[in-house]
Each structure stands twice: as C-alpha cells, then as structure tokens.
C-alpha cells in the first residue's frame, strides 16, 4: 500500500491510506551537479534517500547533516511523509 491508495473494508466503508509525517532532513542546492555529488555521497553508505528534482530527503542523522553542511549545502529539518527510493537495501 502507498499513500493516496484506497482500501474498501466492506460495501460501505472506504479508507484512504495517508503517509504519516516523520522527521527528515531536506538537502537543497542551486546546482544540479552539486545535487548529484551529494546523492553520490549518500549512496555510498546506502542511505535511504528520497530523490526530487530540486532536493533530496533522508532520515535525520547528525553525522550526515554535519558532512552535508561542510559542502555549504542547505540542510533543513522538516516533518513530512518520507518516500525513499526502493533499491537493493529495501525491496518493495
């Protein structure tokens, strides 16, 4: 099940599945190459990452946040649903 899907419990009850907001870090850069560089650094240790055109999102991790800030990248704490890419570390 994914957020936005519907479940029908019986003929009269329909429920929508909604992802629960959770703490995440949002990584934002102004340059596509810099965003790819960050994705590469996060992929090396197999960190689950949500990939979007303008930003990346990952679970909070103070060590990774400090590393990312060394790249002069904007790292923001947020509380939103998290949709990491599926891959070898987490099959769907």
PDB file of N, CA and C in Angstrom:
ATOM      1  N   UNK A   1       0.837  -1.186   0.000  1.00  0.00           N
ATOM      2  CA  UNK A   1       0.000   0.000   0.000  1.00  0.00           C
ATOM      3  C   UNK A   1       0.880   1.247   0.000  1.00  0.00           C
ATOM      4  N   UNK A   2       0.440   2.231  -0.726  1.00  0.00           N
ATOM      5  CA  UNK A   2       1.148   3.503  -0.766  1.00  0.00           C
ATOM      6  C   UNK A   2       0.207   4.622  -0.363  1.00  0.00           C
ATOM      7  N   UNK A   3       0.787   5.709   0.107  1.00  0.00           N
ATOM      8  CA  UNK A   3      -0.010   6.872   0.473  1.00  0.00           C
ATOM      9  C   UNK A   3      -0.842   7.312  -0.726  1.00  0.00           C
ATOM     10  N   UNK A   4      -2.116   7.605  -0.463  1.00  0.00           N
ATOM     11  CA  UNK A   4      -3.017   8.011  -1.534  1.00  0.00           C
ATOM     12  C   UNK A   4      -3.885   6.878  -2.046  1.00  0.00           C
ATOM     13  N   UNK A   5      -3.484   5.627  -1.771  1.00  0.00           N
ATOM     14  CA  UNK A   5      -4.301   4.483  -2.163  1.00  0.00           C
ATOM     15  C   UNK A   5      -5.544   4.398  -1.287  1.00  0.00           C
ATOM     16  N   UNK A   6      -6.529   3.647  -1.759  1.00  0.00           N
ATOM     17  CA  UNK A   6      -7.775   3.450  -1.021  1.00  0.00           C
ATOM     18  C   UNK A   6      -7.957   1.981  -0.693  1.00  0.00           C
ATOM     19  N   UNK A   7      -8.595   1.717   0.450  1.00  0.00           N
ATOM     20  CA  UNK A   7      -8.976   0.374   0.867  1.00  0.00           C
ATOM     21  C   UNK A   7     -10.479   0.344   1.049  1.00  0.00           C
ATOM     22  N   UNK A   8     -11.102  -0.713   0.595  1.00  0.00           N
ATOM     23  CA  UNK A   8     -12.525  -0.868   0.832  1.00  0.00           C
ATOM     24  C   UNK A   8     -12.698  -1.970   1.864  1.00  0.00           C
ATOM     25  N   UNK A   9     -13.203  -1.600   3.065  1.00  0.00           N
ATOM     26  CA  UNK A   9     -13.365  -2.555   4.160  1.00  0.00           C
ATOM     27  C   UNK A   9     -14.585  -3.442   3.945  1.00  0.00           C
ATOM     28  N   UNK A  10     -15.649  -2.868   3.485  1.00  0.00           N
ATOM     29  CA  UNK A  10     -16.852  -3.604   3.110  1.00  0.00           C
ATOM     30  C   UNK A  10     -17.579  -2.762   2.070  1.00  0.00           C
ATOM     31  N   UNK A  11     -18.800  -3.083   1.776  1.00  0.00           N
ATOM     32  CA  UNK A  11     -19.523  -2.365   0.716  1.00  0.00           C
ATOM     33  C   UNK A  11     -19.750  -0.896   1.029  1.00  0.00           C
ATOM     34  N   UNK A  12     -19.679  -0.513   2.305  1.00  0.00           N
ATOM     35  CA  UNK A  12     -19.996   0.880   2.658  1.00  0.00           C
ATOM     36  C   UNK A  12     -18.814   1.687   3.178  1.00  0.00           C
ATOM     37  N   UNK A  13     -17.705   1.044   3.504  1.00  0.00           N
ATOM     38  CA  UNK A  13     -16.570   1.767   4.093  1.00  0.00           C
ATOM     39  C   UNK A  13     -15.367   1.769   3.156  1.00  0.00           C
ATOM     40  N   UNK A  14     -14.891   2.979   2.845  1.00  0.00           N
ATOM     41  CA  UNK A  14     -13.687   3.147   2.036  1.00  0.00           C
ATOM     42  C   UNK A  14     -12.730   4.038   2.822  1.00  0.00           C
ATOM     43  N   UNK A  15     -11.476   3.609   2.918  1.00  0.00           N
ATOM     44  CA  UNK A  15     -10.459   4.343   3.665  1.00  0.00           C
ATOM     45  C   UNK A  15      -9.324   4.741   2.731  1.00  0.00           C
ATOM     46  N   UNK A  16      -8.823   5.971   2.901  1.00  0.00           N
ATOM     47  CA  UNK A  16      -7.660   6.392   2.143  1.00  0.00           C
ATOM     48  C   UNK A  16      -6.422   6.216   3.011  1.00  0.00           C
ATOM     49  N   UNK A  17      -5.371   5.655   2.431  1.00  0.00           N
ATOM     50  CA  UNK A  17      -4.095   5.472   3.110  1.00  0.00           C
ATOM     51  C   UNK A  17      -3.305   6.772   2.990  1.00  0.00           C
ATOM     52  N   UNK A  18      -2.854   7.308   4.119  1.00  0.00           N
ATOM     53  CA  UNK A  18      -2.045   8.530   4.122  1.00  0.00           C
ATOM     54  C   UNK A  18      -0.744   8.275   4.867  1.00  0.00           C
ATOM     55  N   UNK A  19       0.360   8.694   4.293  1.00  0.00           N
ATOM     56  CA  UNK A  19       1.661   8.537   4.944  1.00  0.00           C
ATOM     57  C   UNK A  19       1.739   9.468   6.146  1.00  0.00           C
ATOM     58  N   UNK A  20       2.281   8.957   7.229  1.00  0.00           N
ATOM     59  CA  UNK A  20       2.431   9.738   8.450  1.00  0.00           C
ATOM     60  C   UNK A  20       3.675  10.627   8.334  1.00  0.00           C
ATOM     61  N   UNK A  21       3.547  11.925   8.627  1.00  0.00           N
ATOM     62  CA  UNK A  21       4.737  12.782   8.624  1.00  0.00           C
ATOM     63  C   UNK A  21       5.755  12.283   9.651  1.00  0.00           C
ATOM     64  N   UNK A  22       7.031  12.388   9.302  1.00  0.00           N
ATOM     65  CA  UNK A  22       8.106  11.977  10.196  1.00  0.00           C
ATOM     66  C   UNK A  22       9.251  12.960  10.085  1.00  0.00           C
ATOM     67  N   UNK A  23      10.137  12.987  11.075  1.00  0.00           N
ATOM     68  CA  UNK A  23      11.290  13.894  10.979  1.00  0.00           C
ATOM     69  C   UNK A  23      12.188  13.480   9.817  1.00  0.00           C
ATOM     70  N   UNK A  24      12.580  14.443   9.008  1.00  0.00           N
ATOM     71  CA  UNK A  24      13.503  14.187   7.898  1.00  0.00           C
ATOM     72  C   UNK A  24      14.426  15.382   7.725  1.00  0.00           C
ATOM     73  N   UNK A  25      15.501  15.179   6.997  1.00  0.00           N
ATOM     74  CA  UNK A  25      16.390  16.267   6.583  1.00  0.00           C
ATOM     75  C   UNK A  25      16.156  16.506   5.103  1.00  0.00           C
ATOM     76  N   UNK A  26      15.990  17.759   4.734  1.00  0.00           N
ATOM     77  CA  UNK A  26      15.868  18.121   3.329  1.00  0.00           C
ATOM     78  C   UNK A  26      17.155  18.816   2.915  1.00  0.00           C
ATOM     79  N   UNK A  27      17.776  18.331   1.856  1.00  0.00           N
ATOM     80  CA  UNK A  27      19.034  18.870   1.342  1.00  0.00           C
ATOM     81  C   UNK A  27      18.725  19.618   0.053  1.00  0.00           C
ATOM     82  N   UNK A  28      19.056  20.903   0.033  1.00  0.00           N
ATOM     83  CA  UNK A  28      18.762  21.751  -1.117  1.00  0.00           C
ATOM     84  C   UNK A  28      20.045  22.391  -1.635  1.00  0.00           C
ATOM     85  N   UNK A  29      20.198  22.393  -2.944  1.00  0.00           N
ATOM     86  CA  UNK A  29      21.332  23.067  -3.586  1.00  0.00           C
ATOM     87  C   UNK A  29      20.805  23.799  -4.821  1.00  0.00           C
ATOM     88  N   UNK A  30      21.596  24.742  -5.342  1.00  0.00           N
ATOM     89  CA  UNK A  30      21.191  25.516  -6.521  1.00  0.00           C
ATOM     90  C   UNK A  30      21.760  24.965  -7.820  1.00  0.00           C
ATOM     91  N   UNK A  31      22.531  23.904  -7.730  1.00  0.00           N
ATOM     92  CA  UNK A  31      23.270  23.389  -8.876  1.00  0.00           C
ATOM     93  C   UNK A  31      23.001  21.887  -9.018  1.00  0.00           C
ATOM     94  N   UNK A  32      22.581  21.450 -10.188  1.00  0.00           N
ATOM     95  CA  UNK A  32      22.257  20.042 -10.419  1.00  0.00           C
ATOM     96  C   UNK A  32      23.461  19.137 -10.186  1.00  0.00           C
ATOM     97  N   UNK A  33      24.644  19.588 -10.551  1.00  0.00           N
ATOM     98  CA  UNK A  33      25.853  18.775 -10.354  1.00  0.00           C
ATOM     99  C   UNK A  33      26.131  18.605  -8.862  1.00  0.00           C
ATOM    100  N   UNK A  34      25.946  19.663  -8.090  1.00  0.00           N
ATOM    101  CA  UNK A  34      26.138  19.573  -6.638  1.00  0.00           C
ATOM    102  C   UNK A  34      25.132  18.602  -6.027  1.00  0.00           C
ATOM    103  N   UNK A  35      23.894  18.612  -6.524  1.00  0.00           N
ATOM    104  CA  UNK A  35      22.885  17.687  -6.021  1.00  0.00           C
ATOM    105  C   UNK A  35      23.282  16.243  -6.340  1.00  0.00           C
ATOM    106  N   UNK A  36      23.805  15.997  -7.526  1.00  0.00           N
ATOM    107  CA  UNK A  36      24.289  14.663  -7.886  1.00  0.00           C
ATOM    108  C   UNK A  36      25.467  14.240  -7.012  1.00  0.00           C
ATOM    109  N   UNK A  37      26.340  15.190  -6.726  1.00  0.00           N
ATOM    110  CA  UNK A  37      27.500  14.897  -5.866  1.00  0.00           C
ATOM    111  C   UNK A  37      27.029  14.464  -4.477  1.00  0.00           C
ATOM    112  N   UNK A  38      26.050  15.186  -3.934  1.00  0.00           N
ATOM    113  CA  UNK A  38      25.500  14.840  -2.624  1.00  0.00           C
ATOM    114  C   UNK A  38      24.846  13.466  -2.681  1.00  0.00           C
ATOM    115  N   UNK A  39      24.070  13.199  -3.728  1.00  0.00           N
ATOM    116  CA  UNK A  39      23.419  11.896  -3.875  1.00  0.00           C
ATOM    117  C   UNK A  39      24.459  10.778  -3.913  1.00  0.00           C
ATOM    118  N   UNK A  40      25.568  11.011  -4.560  1.00  0.00           N
ATOM    119  CA  UNK A  40      26.647  10.029  -4.629  1.00  0.00           C
ATOM    120  C   UNK A  40      27.208   9.749  -3.236  1.00  0.00           C
ATOM    121  N   UNK A  41      27.458  10.804  -2.460  1.00  0.00           N
ATOM    122  CA  UNK A  41      27.988  10.633  -1.107  1.00  0.00           C
ATOM    123  C   UNK A  41      26.998   9.901  -0.208  1.00  0.00           C
ATOM    124  N   UNK A  42      25.708  10.148  -0.391  1.00  0.00           N
ATOM    125  CA  UNK A  42      24.694   9.460   0.411  1.00  0.00           C
ATOM    126  C   UNK A  42      24.495   8.024  -0.063  1.00  0.00           C
ATOM    127  N   UNK A  43      24.687   7.783  -1.349  1.00  0.00           N
ATOM    128  CA  UNK A  43      24.518   6.442  -1.887  1.00  0.00           C
ATOM    129  C   UNK A  43      25.644   5.497  -1.501  1.00  0.00           C
ATOM    130  N   UNK A  44      26.831   6.034  -1.311  1.00  0.00           N
ATOM    131  CA  UNK A  44      27.977   5.192  -0.973  1.00  0.00           C
ATOM    132  C   UNK A  44      27.723   4.362   0.287  1.00  0.00           C
ATOM    133  N   UNK A  45      27.217   4.956   1.382  1.00  0.00           N
ATOM    134  CA  UNK A  45      26.900   4.135   2.565  1.00  0.00           C
ATOM    135  C   UNK A  45      25.473   3.561   2.530  1.00  0.00           C
ATOM    136  N   UNK A  46      24.796   3.640   1.374  1.00  0.00           N
ATOM    137  CA  UNK A  46      23.453   3.075   1.184  1.00  0.00           C
ATOM    138  C   UNK A  46      22.416   3.721   2.092  1.00  0.00           C
ATOM    139  N   UNK A  47      22.469   5.039   2.210  1.00  0.00           N
ATOM    140  CA  UNK A  47      21.483   5.783   2.996  1.00  0.00           C
ATOM    141  C   UNK A  47      20.182   5.855   2.190  1.00  0.00           C
ATOM    142  N   UNK A  48      19.042   5.472   2.769  1.00  0.00           N
ATOM    143  CA  UNK A  48      17.771   5.632   2.064  1.00  0.00           C
ATOM    144  C   UNK A  48      17.494   7.114   1.796  1.00  0.00           C
ATOM    145  N   UNK A  49      17.236   7.454   0.530  1.00  0.00           N
ATOM    146  CA  UNK A  49      17.076   8.855   0.122  1.00  0.00           C
ATOM    147  C   UNK A  49      15.845   8.981  -0.776  1.00  0.00           C
ATOM    148  N   UNK A  50      15.095  10.042  -0.536  1.00  0.00           N
ATOM    149  CA  UNK A  50      14.016  10.424  -1.450  1.00  0.00           C
ATOM    150  C   UNK A  50      14.616  11.422  -2.431  1.00  0.00           C
ATOM    151  N   UNK A  51      14.511  11.145  -3.720  1.00  0.00           N
ATOM    152  CA  UNK A  51      15.138  11.975  -4.745  1.00  0.00           C
ATOM    153  C   UNK A  51      14.082  12.791  -5.471  1.00  0.00           C
ATOM    154  N   UNK A  52      14.260  14.107  -5.463  1.00  0.00           N
ATOM    155  CA  UNK A  52      13.386  15.029  -6.189  1.00  0.00           C
ATOM    156  C   UNK A  52      14.269  15.906  -7.073  1.00  0.00           C
ATOM    157  N   UNK A  53      13.679  16.601  -8.010  1.00  0.00           N
ATOM    158  CA  UNK A  53      14.466  17.405  -8.953  1.00  0.00           C
ATOM    159  C   UNK A  53      15.257  18.512  -8.275  1.00  0.00           C
ATOM    160  N   UNK A  54      14.722  19.104  -7.223  1.00  0.00           N
ATOM    161  CA  UNK A  54      15.383  20.245  -6.587  1.00  0.00           C
ATOM    162  C   UNK A  54      15.993  19.940  -5.221  1.00  0.00           C
ATOM    163  N   UNK A  55      15.730  18.750  -4.675  1.00  0.00           N
ATOM    164  CA  UNK A  55      16.225  18.447  -3.330  1.00  0.00           C
ATOM    165  C   UNK A  55      16.281  16.944  -3.104  1.00  0.00           C
ATOM    166  N   UNK A  56      16.945  16.569  -2.008  1.00  0.00           N
ATOM    167  CA  UNK A  56      16.989  15.188  -1.532  1.00  0.00           C
ATOM    168  C   UNK A  56      16.451  15.190  -0.107  1.00  0.00           C
ATOM    169  N   UNK A  57      15.872  14.069   0.313  1.00  0.00           N
ATOM    170  CA  UNK A  57      15.414  13.952   1.696  1.00  0.00           C
ATOM    171  C   UNK A  57      15.922  12.643   2.274  1.00  0.00           C
ATOM    172  N   UNK A  58      16.264  12.671   3.564  1.00  0.00           N
ATOM    173  CA  UNK A  58      16.755  11.491   4.254  1.00  0.00           C
ATOM    174  C   UNK A  58      16.367  11.559   5.712  1.00  0.00           C
ATOM    175  N   UNK A  59      16.449  10.416   6.381  1.00  0.00           N
ATOM    176  CA  UNK A  59      16.167  10.382   7.810  1.00  0.00           C
ATOM    177  C   UNK A  59      17.224  11.187   8.555  1.00  0.00           C
ATOM    178  N   UNK A  60      16.825  11.797   9.685  1.00  0.00           N
ATOM    179  CA  UNK A  60      17.789  12.604  10.448  1.00  0.00           C
ATOM    180  C   UNK A  60      19.005  11.789  10.878  1.00  0.00           C
ATOM    181  N   UNK A  61      20.163  12.387  10.699  1.00  0.00           N
ATOM    182  CA  UNK A  61      21.429  11.776  11.096  1.00  0.00           C
ATOM    183  C   UNK A  61      22.406  12.926  11.291  1.00  0.00           C
ATOM    184  N   UNK A  62      22.821  13.153  12.534  1.00  0.00           N
ATOM    185  CA  UNK A  62      23.664  14.319  12.828  1.00  0.00           C
ATOM    186  C   UNK A  62      25.015  14.259  12.127  1.00  0.00           C
ATOM    187  N   UNK A  63      25.588  13.062  11.984  1.00  0.00           N
ATOM    188  CA  UNK A  63      26.883  12.930  11.313  1.00  0.00           C
ATOM    189  C   UNK A  63      26.747  13.303   9.834  1.00  0.00           C
ATOM    190  N   UNK A  64      25.708  12.774   9.176  1.00  0.00           N
ATOM    191  CA  UNK A  64      25.498  13.108   7.765  1.00  0.00           C
ATOM    192  C   UNK A  64      25.144  14.585   7.593  1.00  0.00           C
ATOM    193  N   UNK A  65      24.357  15.130   8.503  1.00  0.00           N
ATOM    194  CA  UNK A  65      23.997  16.553   8.418  1.00  0.00           C
ATOM    195  C   UNK A  65      25.244  17.419   8.498  1.00  0.00           C
ATOM    196  N   UNK A  66      26.159  17.091   9.412  1.00  0.00           N
ATOM    197  CA  UNK A  66      27.418  17.845   9.514  1.00  0.00           C
ATOM    198  C   UNK A  66      28.250  17.708   8.247  1.00  0.00           C
ATOM    199  N   UNK A  67      28.326  16.500   7.688  1.00  0.00           N
ATOM    200  CA  UNK A  67      29.062  16.282   6.446  1.00  0.00           C
ATOM    201  C   UNK A  67      28.473  17.133   5.324  1.00  0.00           C
ATOM    202  N   UNK A  68      27.158  17.123   5.185  1.00  0.00           N
ATOM    203  CA  UNK A  68      26.499  17.879   4.122  1.00  0.00           C
ATOM    204  C   UNK A  68      26.714  19.378   4.295  1.00  0.00           C
ATOM    205  N   UNK A  69      26.691  19.850   5.521  1.00  0.00           N
ATOM    206  CA  UNK A  69      26.902  21.287   5.765  1.00  0.00           C
ATOM    207  C   UNK A  69      28.327  21.700   5.413  1.00  0.00           C
ATOM    208  N   UNK A  70      29.284  20.763   5.457  1.00  0.00           N
ATOM    209  CA  UNK A  70      30.653  21.065   5.043  1.00  0.00           C
ATOM    210  C   UNK A  70      30.717  21.368   3.550  1.00  0.00           C
ATOM    211  N   UNK A  71      29.760  20.856   2.781  1.00  0.00           N
ATOM    212  CA  UNK A  71      29.681  21.147   1.351  1.00  0.00           C
ATOM    213  C   UNK A  71      28.994  22.482   1.089  1.00  0.00           C
ATOM    214  N   UNK A  72      28.690  23.245   2.152  1.00  0.00           N
ATOM    215  CA  UNK A  72      27.982  24.523   2.045  1.00  0.00           C
ATOM    216  C   UNK A  72      26.602  24.319   1.414  1.00  0.00           C
ATOM    217  N   UNK A  73      25.939  23.281   1.851  1.00  0.00           N
ATOM    218  CA  UNK A  73      24.615  22.919   1.351  1.00  0.00           C
ATOM    219  C   UNK A  73      23.585  23.236   2.418  1.00  0.00           C
ATOM    220  N   UNK A  74      22.418  23.689   1.990  1.00  0.00           N
ATOM    221  CA  UNK A  74      21.334  23.974   2.919  1.00  0.00           C
ATOM    222  C   UNK A  74      20.699  22.662   3.370  1.00  0.00           C
ATOM    223  N   UNK A  75      20.743  22.388   4.673  1.00  0.00           N
ATOM    224  CA  UNK A  75      20.141  21.195   5.265  1.00  0.00           C
ATOM    225  C   UNK A  75      19.081  21.672   6.241  1.00  0.00           C
ATOM    226  N   UNK A  76      17.825  21.281   6.008  1.00  0.00           N
ATOM    227  CA  UNK A  76      16.700  21.759   6.797  1.00  0.00           C
ATOM    228  C   UNK A  76      16.007  20.593   7.486  1.00  0.00           C
ATOM    229  N   UNK A  77      15.687  20.771   8.767  1.00  0.00           N
ATOM    230  CA  UNK A  77      14.877  19.783   9.483  1.00  0.00           C
ATOM    231  C   UNK A  77      13.414  20.031   9.151  1.00  0.00           C
ATOM    232  N   UNK A  78      12.703  18.975   8.778  1.00  0.00           N
ATOM    233  CA  UNK A  78      11.278  19.083   8.451  1.00  0.00           C
ATOM    234  C   UNK A  78      10.540  17.885   9.023  1.00  0.00           C
ATOM    235  N   UNK A  79       9.241  17.962   8.983  1.00  0.00           N
ATOM    236  CA  UNK A  79       8.391  16.834   9.396  1.00  0.00           C
ATOM    237  C   UNK A  79       7.339  16.639   8.303  1.00  0.00           C
ATOM    238  N   UNK A  80       7.600  15.688   7.405  1.00  0.00           N
ATOM    239  CA  UNK A  80       6.736  15.409   6.258  1.00  0.00           C
ATOM    240  C   UNK A  80       6.771  13.905   5.972  1.00  0.00           C
ATOM    241  N   UNK A  81       5.837  13.404   5.166  1.00  0.00           N
ATOM    242  CA  UNK A  81       5.944  11.998   4.750  1.00  0.00           C
ATOM    243  C   UNK A  81       7.252  11.766   3.986  1.00  0.00           C
ATOM    244  N   UNK A  82       7.816  10.582   4.134  1.00  0.00           N
ATOM    245  CA  UNK A  82       9.110  10.243   3.542  1.00  0.00           C
ATOM    246  C   UNK A  82       8.915   9.089   2.571  1.00  0.00           C
ATOM    247  N   UNK A  83       9.345   9.275   1.326  1.00  0.00           N
ATOM    248  CA  UNK A  83       9.205   8.272   0.268  1.00  0.00           C
ATOM    249  C   UNK A  83      10.572   7.943  -0.325  1.00  0.00           C
ATOM    250  N   UNK A  84      11.423   7.196   0.404  1.00  0.00           N
ATOM    251  CA  UNK A  84      12.754   6.882  -0.142  1.00  0.00           C
ATOM    252  C   UNK A  84      12.660   5.977  -1.358  1.00  0.00           C
ATOM    253  N   UNK A  85      13.664   6.084  -2.213  1.00  0.00           N
ATOM    254  CA  UNK A  85      13.762   5.198  -3.380  1.00  0.00           C
ATOM    255  C   UNK A  85      13.897   3.755  -2.893  1.00  0.00           C
ATOM    256  N   UNK A  86      13.238   2.845  -3.584  1.00  0.00           N
ATOM    257  CA  UNK A  86      13.456   1.439  -3.259  1.00  0.00           C
ATOM    258  C   UNK A  86      14.716   1.007  -3.989  1.00  0.00           C
ATOM    259  N   UNK A  87      15.382   0.045  -3.442  1.00  0.00           N
ATOM    260  CA  UNK A  87      16.620  -0.411  -4.067  1.00  0.00           C
ATOM    261  C   UNK A  87      17.076  -1.692  -3.411  1.00  0.00           C
ATOM    262  N   UNK A  88      18.337  -2.010  -3.568  1.00  0.00           N
ATOM    263  CA  UNK A  88      18.886  -3.256  -3.047  1.00  0.00           C
ATOM    264  C   UNK A  88      18.760  -3.342  -1.536  1.00  0.00           C
ATOM    265  N   UNK A  89      18.807  -2.209  -0.834  1.00  0.00           N
ATOM    266  CA  UNK A  89      18.736  -2.212   0.617  1.00  0.00           C
ATOM    267  C   UNK A  89      17.329  -2.445   1.139  1.00  0.00           C
ATOM    268  N   UNK A  90      16.287  -2.201   0.302  1.00  0.00           N
ATOM    269  CA  UNK A  90      14.909  -2.306   0.766  1.00  0.00           C
ATOM    270  C   UNK A  90      13.984  -2.656  -0.391  1.00  0.00           C
ATOM    271  N   UNK A  91      13.834  -3.929  -0.696  1.00  0.00           N
ATOM    272  CA  UNK A  91      12.961  -4.288  -1.822  1.00  0.00           C
ATOM    273  C   UNK A  91      11.499  -3.987  -1.510  1.00  0.00           C
ATOM    274  N   UNK A  92      10.740  -3.651  -2.546  1.00  0.00           N
ATOM    275  CA  UNK A  92       9.295  -3.400  -2.377  1.00  0.00           C
ATOM    276  C   UNK A  92       8.534  -4.682  -2.535  1.00  0.00           C
TER     277      UNK A  92
END
